[in-house]
Amino acid sequence: MRKSHPVRRFVLAGAATVSGIVLLLSLKPTTDPAAAQAAGDALPQQTSAAQAPQGGSGPAAGARTVTGDAARTPYGTVQVRLTVSDGKITGAEAVQAPQGGTSSEKTELAVPRLNRAVLDAQSADIDTVSGATYTSEGYKKSLQSALDRAGG
């Protein structure tokens, strides 16, 4: 059979097309950091009454609540609220955290761990949660600004 035989070209083109389709179908959709950043620009800086805090506990009697600055990450905004009583952190919660796609899963995994770490460490010196690096770094930035406002 000659190299330029039409049947040979047809078989090769068909095999290449099928391979390309299989590769495209095997890709999983993910959140593009650039697209998430562009969408994050439209997010409000302050929380609304409709947004529920993630994790943590409510303020106790005689405690004061301090909210840190909103920290932007490639996947969304993170903002932390602390409850401080007698110079001790008694509660930590994320009032804003990345949402949508895999960001929601990572937020649900990371935020409770970060909240517990703050209560244990009583400072912003906490470990980053593996798999949620951007969220953890944003959490720490917002946490530090809340601690600065609380005077600790």
N, C-alpha and C. Protein backbone atom coordinates (compact mmCIF):
# COMPACT_ATOMS: atom_id res chain seq x y z
N MET A 1 0.84 -1.17 0.00
CA MET A 1 0.00 0.00 0.00
C MET A 1 0.89 1.24 0.00
N ARG A 2 0.51 2.24 -0.78
CA ARG A 2 1.29 3.46 -0.86
C ARG A 2 1.09 4.30 0.40
N LYS A 3 2.08 5.18 0.68
CA LYS A 3 2.00 6.03 1.87
C LYS A 3 0.85 7.01 1.81
N SER A 4 0.51 7.50 0.64
CA SER A 4 -0.52 8.51 0.54
C SER A 4 -1.87 7.92 0.15
N HIS A 5 -2.06 6.65 0.38
CA HIS A 5 -3.31 6.00 0.04
C HIS A 5 -4.45 6.62 0.85
N PRO A 6 -5.61 6.92 0.23
CA PRO A 6 -6.70 7.61 0.91
C PRO A 6 -7.24 6.85 2.13
N VAL A 7 -7.28 5.54 2.09
CA VAL A 7 -7.80 4.77 3.22
C VAL A 7 -6.87 4.91 4.42
N ARG A 8 -5.58 4.89 4.15
CA ARG A 8 -4.61 5.04 5.24
C ARG A 8 -4.76 6.41 5.91
N ARG A 9 -4.90 7.46 5.11
CA ARG A 9 -5.09 8.80 5.66
C ARG A 9 -6.38 8.89 6.46
N PHE A 10 -7.43 8.26 5.98
CA PHE A 10 -8.72 8.27 6.67
C PHE A 10 -8.61 7.57 8.03
N VAL A 11 -7.95 6.43 8.08
CA VAL A 11 -7.79 5.68 9.33
C VAL A 11 -6.96 6.49 10.33
N LEU A 12 -5.87 7.10 9.89
CA LEU A 12 -5.04 7.91 10.78
C LEU A 12 -5.78 9.14 11.28
N ALA A 13 -6.52 9.80 10.41
CA ALA A 13 -7.29 10.97 10.83
C ALA A 13 -8.38 10.58 11.83
N GLY A 14 -9.03 9.46 11.60
CA GLY A 14 -10.07 8.98 12.52
C GLY A 14 -9.49 8.64 13.88
N ALA A 15 -8.34 7.96 13.89
CA ALA A 15 -7.70 7.59 15.16
C ALA A 15 -7.27 8.84 15.92
N ALA A 16 -6.74 9.83 15.23
CA ALA A 16 -6.32 11.07 15.89
C ALA A 16 -7.52 11.81 16.46
N THR A 17 -8.63 11.83 15.74
CA THR A 17 -9.84 12.50 16.22
C THR A 17 -10.39 11.82 17.47
N VAL A 18 -10.47 10.49 17.43
CA VAL A 18 -10.97 9.75 18.59
C VAL A 18 -10.06 9.96 19.80
N SER A 19 -8.75 9.94 19.59
CA SER A 19 -7.82 10.17 20.69
C SER A 19 -7.99 11.56 21.28
N GLY A 20 -8.15 12.55 20.44
CA GLY A 20 -8.35 13.91 20.93
C GLY A 20 -9.63 14.06 21.73
N ILE A 21 -10.71 13.43 21.27
CA ILE A 21 -11.99 13.51 21.99
C ILE A 21 -11.88 12.82 23.34
N VAL A 22 -11.23 11.66 23.38
CA VAL A 22 -11.05 10.95 24.65
C VAL A 22 -10.25 11.80 25.64
N LEU A 23 -9.20 12.44 25.19
CA LEU A 23 -8.40 13.30 26.06
C LEU A 23 -9.21 14.48 26.58
N LEU A 24 -10.01 15.10 25.72
CA LEU A 24 -10.83 16.23 26.15
C LEU A 24 -11.88 15.81 27.17
N LEU A 25 -12.48 14.66 26.97
CA LEU A 25 -13.51 14.19 27.90
C LEU A 25 -12.93 13.75 29.24
N SER A 26 -11.66 13.40 29.27
CA SER A 26 -11.05 12.96 30.52
C SER A 26 -10.63 14.13 31.41
N LEU A 27 -10.62 15.35 30.87
CA LEU A 27 -10.28 16.52 31.68
C LEU A 27 -11.41 16.84 32.63
N LYS A 28 -11.05 17.22 33.86
CA LYS A 28 -12.04 17.61 34.86
C LYS A 28 -12.09 19.12 34.93
N PRO A 29 -13.29 19.70 34.98
CA PRO A 29 -13.37 21.15 35.08
C PRO A 29 -12.88 21.62 36.44
N THR A 30 -12.10 22.68 36.45
CA THR A 30 -11.61 23.27 37.70
C THR A 30 -11.80 24.77 37.63
N THR A 31 -11.63 25.41 38.75
CA THR A 31 -11.73 26.86 38.80
C THR A 31 -10.40 27.44 38.36
N ASP A 32 -10.44 28.29 37.38
CA ASP A 32 -9.24 28.96 36.90
C ASP A 32 -8.92 30.11 37.85
N PRO A 33 -7.69 30.17 38.40
CA PRO A 33 -7.36 31.24 39.34
C PRO A 33 -7.57 32.63 38.76
N ALA A 34 -7.27 32.82 37.48
CA ALA A 34 -7.44 34.14 36.87
C ALA A 34 -8.93 34.49 36.79
N ALA A 35 -9.76 33.51 36.42
CA ALA A 35 -11.20 33.76 36.35
C ALA A 35 -11.77 33.99 37.75
N ALA A 36 -11.28 33.25 38.72
CA ALA A 36 -11.75 33.43 40.09
C ALA A 36 -11.36 34.80 40.62
N GLN A 37 -10.17 35.28 40.25
CA GLN A 37 -9.74 36.61 40.67
C GLN A 37 -10.63 37.67 40.06
N ALA A 38 -10.95 37.50 38.77
CA ALA A 38 -11.82 38.46 38.09
C ALA A 38 -13.21 38.46 38.72
N ALA A 39 -13.71 37.27 39.04
CA ALA A 39 -15.02 37.17 39.69
C ALA A 39 -14.94 37.70 41.12
N GLY A 40 -13.79 37.52 41.76
CA GLY A 40 -13.61 37.98 43.14
C GLY A 40 -13.60 39.49 43.24
N ASP A 41 -13.28 40.18 42.15
CA ASP A 41 -13.29 41.64 42.18
C ASP A 41 -14.69 42.19 42.41
N ALA A 42 -15.70 41.39 42.08
CA ALA A 42 -17.08 41.83 42.24
C ALA A 42 -17.61 41.53 43.63
N LEU A 43 -16.84 40.81 44.46
CA LEU A 43 -17.30 40.46 45.79
C LEU A 43 -17.30 41.68 46.71
N PRO A 44 -18.29 41.79 47.57
CA PRO A 44 -18.30 42.91 48.51
C PRO A 44 -17.23 42.73 49.58
N GLN A 45 -16.71 43.84 50.09
CA GLN A 45 -15.69 43.78 51.12
C GLN A 45 -16.28 43.44 52.49
N GLN A 46 -17.49 43.90 52.75
CA GLN A 46 -18.12 43.65 54.04
C GLN A 46 -19.12 42.53 53.91
N THR A 47 -19.34 41.80 54.97
CA THR A 47 -20.29 40.71 54.94
C THR A 47 -21.69 41.26 55.12
N SER A 48 -22.64 40.54 54.58
CA SER A 48 -24.04 40.93 54.73
C SER A 48 -24.70 40.00 55.72
N ALA A 49 -25.90 40.33 56.11
CA ALA A 49 -26.63 39.50 57.08
C ALA A 49 -26.94 38.13 56.49
N ALA A 50 -26.98 38.02 55.16
CA ALA A 50 -27.30 36.74 54.53
C ALA A 50 -26.12 35.77 54.58
N GLN A 51 -24.90 36.27 54.76
CA GLN A 51 -23.74 35.39 54.80
C GLN A 51 -23.57 34.82 56.20
N ALA A 52 -23.48 33.51 56.26
CA ALA A 52 -23.31 32.86 57.55
C ALA A 52 -21.83 32.60 57.79
N PRO A 53 -21.35 32.83 58.99
CA PRO A 53 -19.96 32.52 59.31
C PRO A 53 -19.72 31.02 59.19
N GLN A 54 -18.48 30.67 58.88
CA GLN A 54 -18.13 29.27 58.76
C GLN A 54 -17.32 28.84 59.96
N GLY A 55 -17.85 27.90 60.71
CA GLY A 55 -17.14 27.35 61.86
C GLY A 55 -17.12 28.31 63.01
N GLY A 56 -16.42 27.93 64.07
CA GLY A 56 -16.29 28.80 65.23
C GLY A 56 -17.53 28.76 66.10
N SER A 57 -17.56 29.63 67.09
CA SER A 57 -18.70 29.69 67.99
C SER A 57 -19.09 31.15 68.17
N GLY A 58 -20.30 31.37 68.65
CA GLY A 58 -20.81 32.72 68.85
C GLY A 58 -20.14 33.38 70.03
N PRO A 59 -20.27 34.71 70.15
CA PRO A 59 -19.63 35.42 71.25
C PRO A 59 -20.28 35.10 72.59
N ALA A 60 -19.47 35.02 73.62
CA ALA A 60 -19.96 34.77 74.97
C ALA A 60 -20.28 36.12 75.62
N ALA A 61 -20.96 36.08 76.75
CA ALA A 61 -21.30 37.31 77.47
C ALA A 61 -20.02 38.00 77.93
N GLY A 62 -19.90 39.32 77.75
CA GLY A 62 -18.73 40.07 78.17
C GLY A 62 -17.58 39.99 77.19
N ALA A 63 -17.75 39.28 76.11
CA ALA A 63 -16.69 39.16 75.12
C ALA A 63 -16.90 40.21 74.03
N ARG A 64 -15.81 40.59 73.37
CA ARG A 64 -15.95 41.52 72.26
C ARG A 64 -15.52 40.82 70.98
N THR A 65 -16.11 41.27 69.89
CA THR A 65 -15.86 40.67 68.59
C THR A 65 -15.07 41.63 67.73
N VAL A 66 -14.05 41.11 67.06
CA VAL A 66 -13.21 41.91 66.18
C VAL A 66 -13.12 41.21 64.83
N THR A 67 -13.34 41.98 63.77
CA THR A 67 -13.27 41.42 62.42
C THR A 67 -12.03 41.94 61.72
N GLY A 68 -11.28 41.03 61.11
CA GLY A 68 -10.06 41.40 60.39
C GLY A 68 -10.36 41.92 59.00
N ASP A 69 -9.34 42.46 58.36
CA ASP A 69 -9.47 42.93 56.99
C ASP A 69 -9.75 41.75 56.06
N ALA A 70 -10.46 42.01 54.98
CA ALA A 70 -10.70 40.98 53.97
C ALA A 70 -9.41 40.79 53.18
N ALA A 71 -8.97 39.55 53.09
CA ALA A 71 -7.74 39.23 52.36
C ALA A 71 -8.10 38.54 51.05
N ARG A 72 -7.65 39.10 49.95
CA ARG A 72 -7.94 38.52 48.64
C ARG A 72 -6.95 37.39 48.33
N THR A 73 -7.47 36.31 47.79
CA THR A 73 -6.65 35.20 47.32
C THR A 73 -7.02 34.94 45.86
N PRO A 74 -6.25 34.14 45.14
CA PRO A 74 -6.61 33.84 43.75
C PRO A 74 -7.98 33.17 43.62
N TYR A 75 -8.48 32.57 44.67
CA TYR A 75 -9.74 31.83 44.59
C TYR A 75 -10.91 32.53 45.28
N GLY A 76 -10.68 33.65 45.91
CA GLY A 76 -11.75 34.37 46.58
C GLY A 76 -11.23 35.12 47.80
N THR A 77 -12.15 35.76 48.50
CA THR A 77 -11.81 36.58 49.65
C THR A 77 -11.96 35.79 50.94
N VAL A 78 -11.04 36.02 51.88
CA VAL A 78 -11.09 35.39 53.20
C VAL A 78 -11.13 36.51 54.24
N GLN A 79 -12.05 36.39 55.20
CA GLN A 79 -12.14 37.36 56.28
C GLN A 79 -12.45 36.62 57.57
N VAL A 80 -11.73 36.97 58.64
CA VAL A 80 -11.83 36.27 59.92
C VAL A 80 -12.42 37.19 60.98
N ARG A 81 -13.26 36.62 61.83
CA ARG A 81 -13.82 37.33 62.98
C ARG A 81 -13.39 36.58 64.23
N LEU A 82 -12.86 37.33 65.19
CA LEU A 82 -12.43 36.75 66.46
C LEU A 82 -13.34 37.22 67.59
N THR A 83 -13.50 36.36 68.57
CA THR A 83 -14.16 36.74 69.80
C THR A 83 -13.09 36.70 70.89
N VAL A 84 -12.92 37.83 71.58
CA VAL A 84 -11.87 37.95 72.58
C VAL A 84 -12.52 38.26 73.92
N SER A 85 -12.10 37.52 74.95
CA SER A 85 -12.61 37.73 76.30
C SER A 85 -11.45 37.68 77.28
N ASP A 86 -11.26 38.73 78.05
CA ASP A 86 -10.17 38.82 79.02
C ASP A 86 -8.81 38.57 78.39
N GLY A 87 -8.59 39.12 77.20
CA GLY A 87 -7.31 38.99 76.52
C GLY A 87 -7.05 37.62 75.91
N LYS A 88 -8.05 36.76 75.91
CA LYS A 88 -7.89 35.41 75.37
C LYS A 88 -8.86 35.22 74.20
N ILE A 89 -8.37 34.57 73.13
CA ILE A 89 -9.23 34.29 71.98
C ILE A 89 -10.15 33.13 72.36
N THR A 90 -11.45 33.40 72.37
CA THR A 90 -12.42 32.37 72.74
C THR A 90 -13.20 31.84 71.54
N GLY A 91 -13.07 32.51 70.41
CA GLY A 91 -13.76 32.06 69.21
C GLY A 91 -13.11 32.62 67.96
N ALA A 92 -13.12 31.83 66.90
CA ALA A 92 -12.59 32.26 65.61
C ALA A 92 -13.50 31.68 64.53
N GLU A 93 -13.82 32.51 63.55
CA GLU A 93 -14.68 32.04 62.46
C GLU A 93 -14.36 32.81 61.19
N ALA A 94 -14.56 32.16 60.07
CA ALA A 94 -14.39 32.80 58.77
C ALA A 94 -15.74 33.34 58.33
N VAL A 95 -15.86 34.66 58.21
CA VAL A 95 -17.11 35.24 57.77
C VAL A 95 -17.17 35.32 56.24
N GLN A 96 -16.01 35.23 55.59
CA GLN A 96 -15.92 35.11 54.13
C GLN A 96 -14.86 34.08 53.83
N ALA A 97 -15.13 33.24 52.85
CA ALA A 97 -14.16 32.24 52.42
C ALA A 97 -14.45 31.88 50.96
N PRO A 98 -13.45 31.40 50.22
CA PRO A 98 -13.66 31.06 48.81
C PRO A 98 -14.77 30.02 48.63
N GLN A 99 -15.61 30.24 47.63
CA GLN A 99 -16.72 29.35 47.34
C GLN A 99 -16.75 29.03 45.85
N GLY A 100 -17.39 27.92 45.51
CA GLY A 100 -17.57 27.55 44.12
C GLY A 100 -16.57 26.51 43.68
N GLY A 101 -17.07 25.46 43.04
CA GLY A 101 -16.19 24.41 42.52
C GLY A 101 -15.43 23.71 43.64
N THR A 102 -14.17 23.45 43.39
CA THR A 102 -13.36 22.78 44.40
C THR A 102 -13.02 23.71 45.56
N SER A 103 -13.18 25.02 45.38
CA SER A 103 -12.91 25.95 46.47
C SER A 103 -13.81 25.69 47.66
N SER A 104 -15.08 25.35 47.41
CA SER A 104 -16.01 25.06 48.50
C SER A 104 -15.54 23.86 49.30
N GLU A 105 -15.10 22.82 48.60
CA GLU A 105 -14.62 21.61 49.29
C GLU A 105 -13.39 21.93 50.15
N LYS A 106 -12.47 22.68 49.59
CA LYS A 106 -11.25 23.01 50.33
C LYS A 106 -11.55 23.93 51.51
N THR A 107 -12.49 24.85 51.32
CA THR A 107 -12.89 25.74 52.41
C THR A 107 -13.51 24.94 53.55
N GLU A 108 -14.40 24.00 53.22
CA GLU A 108 -15.03 23.17 54.24
C GLU A 108 -14.02 22.32 55.00
N LEU A 109 -12.95 21.95 54.33
CA LEU A 109 -11.90 21.17 54.97
C LEU A 109 -11.00 22.05 55.82
N ALA A 110 -10.61 23.21 55.29
CA ALA A 110 -9.57 24.02 55.92
C ALA A 110 -10.07 24.90 57.06
N VAL A 111 -11.21 25.56 56.89
CA VAL A 111 -11.64 26.57 57.86
C VAL A 111 -11.82 26.01 59.27
N PRO A 112 -12.49 24.87 59.46
CA PRO A 112 -12.59 24.35 60.84
C PRO A 112 -11.22 24.04 61.46
N ARG A 113 -10.29 23.55 60.66
CA ARG A 113 -8.94 23.28 61.17
C ARG A 113 -8.23 24.57 61.57
N LEU A 114 -8.37 25.58 60.74
CA LEU A 114 -7.74 26.87 61.04
C LEU A 114 -8.36 27.50 62.29
N ASN A 115 -9.69 27.40 62.42
CA ASN A 115 -10.36 27.94 63.61
C ASN A 115 -9.84 27.27 64.88
N ARG A 116 -9.72 25.95 64.86
CA ARG A 116 -9.20 25.22 66.03
C ARG A 116 -7.75 25.59 66.31
N ALA A 117 -6.96 25.75 65.24
CA ALA A 117 -5.55 26.09 65.42
C ALA A 117 -5.39 27.45 66.10
N VAL A 118 -6.25 28.40 65.77
CA VAL A 118 -6.19 29.73 66.39
C VAL A 118 -6.49 29.62 67.88
N LEU A 119 -7.50 28.85 68.22
CA LEU A 119 -7.85 28.69 69.64
C LEU A 119 -6.73 28.00 70.41
N ASP A 120 -6.07 27.05 69.78
CA ASP A 120 -4.96 26.35 70.44
C ASP A 120 -3.73 27.24 70.57
N ALA A 121 -3.37 27.95 69.49
CA ALA A 121 -2.14 28.75 69.47
C ALA A 121 -2.32 30.11 70.15
N GLN A 122 -3.54 30.64 70.17
CA GLN A 122 -3.81 31.98 70.71
C GLN A 122 -2.98 33.05 70.02
N SER A 123 -2.67 32.82 68.74
CA SER A 123 -1.92 33.79 67.94
C SER A 123 -2.14 33.48 66.46
N ALA A 124 -1.49 34.26 65.61
CA ALA A 124 -1.57 34.03 64.17
C ALA A 124 -0.50 33.06 63.70
N ASP A 125 0.27 32.51 64.62
CA ASP A 125 1.33 31.55 64.29
C ASP A 125 0.71 30.15 64.19
N ILE A 126 0.01 29.91 63.06
CA ILE A 126 -0.65 28.62 62.85
C ILE A 126 -0.14 28.01 61.56
N ASP A 127 -0.29 26.70 61.43
CA ASP A 127 0.17 25.99 60.24
C ASP A 127 -0.82 26.15 59.09
N THR A 128 -0.28 26.11 57.88
CA THR A 128 -1.08 26.13 56.67
C THR A 128 -1.71 24.76 56.49
N VAL A 129 -2.97 24.72 56.05
CA VAL A 129 -3.65 23.46 55.78
C VAL A 129 -3.23 22.99 54.39
N SER A 130 -2.70 21.77 54.32
CA SER A 130 -2.27 21.21 53.05
C SER A 130 -3.45 21.09 52.10
N GLY A 131 -3.26 21.54 50.87
CA GLY A 131 -4.32 21.49 49.87
C GLY A 131 -5.16 22.75 49.83
N ALA A 132 -4.99 23.61 50.82
CA ALA A 132 -5.74 24.87 50.87
C ALA A 132 -4.77 26.00 51.22
N THR A 133 -3.67 26.05 50.50
CA THR A 133 -2.60 27.00 50.81
C THR A 133 -3.07 28.45 50.68
N TYR A 134 -3.72 28.79 49.57
CA TYR A 134 -4.16 30.17 49.38
C TYR A 134 -5.17 30.59 50.44
N THR A 135 -6.13 29.70 50.73
CA THR A 135 -7.13 30.00 51.75
C THR A 135 -6.45 30.18 53.11
N SER A 136 -5.50 29.30 53.44
CA SER A 136 -4.79 29.39 54.71
C SER A 136 -4.02 30.69 54.84
N GLU A 137 -3.33 31.08 53.76
CA GLU A 137 -2.55 32.32 53.80
C GLU A 137 -3.46 33.54 53.94
N GLY A 138 -4.58 33.54 53.22
CA GLY A 138 -5.53 34.63 53.36
C GLY A 138 -6.12 34.68 54.75
N TYR A 139 -6.40 33.51 55.32
CA TYR A 139 -6.94 33.41 56.68
C TYR A 139 -5.96 34.02 57.67
N LYS A 140 -4.67 33.69 57.52
CA LYS A 140 -3.64 34.21 58.43
C LYS A 140 -3.51 35.73 58.34
N LYS A 141 -3.61 36.28 57.12
CA LYS A 141 -3.52 37.74 56.95
C LYS A 141 -4.69 38.43 57.64
N SER A 142 -5.89 37.91 57.42
CA SER A 142 -7.07 38.51 58.04
C SER A 142 -7.02 38.32 59.56
N LEU A 143 -6.56 37.16 60.00
CA LEU A 143 -6.41 36.88 61.42
C LEU A 143 -5.46 37.87 62.07
N GLN A 144 -4.33 38.13 61.45
CA GLN A 144 -3.35 39.06 62.01
C GLN A 144 -3.94 40.46 62.12
N SER A 145 -4.71 40.89 61.12
CA SER A 145 -5.30 42.22 61.22
C SER A 145 -6.36 42.28 62.32
N ALA A 146 -7.08 41.18 62.54
CA ALA A 146 -8.05 41.14 63.64
C ALA A 146 -7.32 41.19 64.99
N LEU A 147 -6.20 40.47 65.10
CA LEU A 147 -5.43 40.50 66.33
C LEU A 147 -4.86 41.90 66.60
N ASP A 148 -4.41 42.56 65.53
CA ASP A 148 -3.90 43.93 65.68
C ASP A 148 -4.99 44.86 66.19
N ARG A 149 -6.19 44.71 65.67
CA ARG A 149 -7.32 45.55 66.13
C ARG A 149 -7.72 45.22 67.55
N ALA A 150 -7.57 43.95 67.94
CA ALA A 150 -7.94 43.54 69.30
C ALA A 150 -6.87 43.94 70.31
N GLY A 151 -5.71 44.32 69.79
CA GLY A 151 -4.62 44.73 70.67
C GLY A 151 -3.81 43.56 71.18
N GLY A 152 -3.83 42.43 70.44
CA GLY A 152 -3.07 41.26 70.89
C GLY A 152 -2.39 40.69 69.78
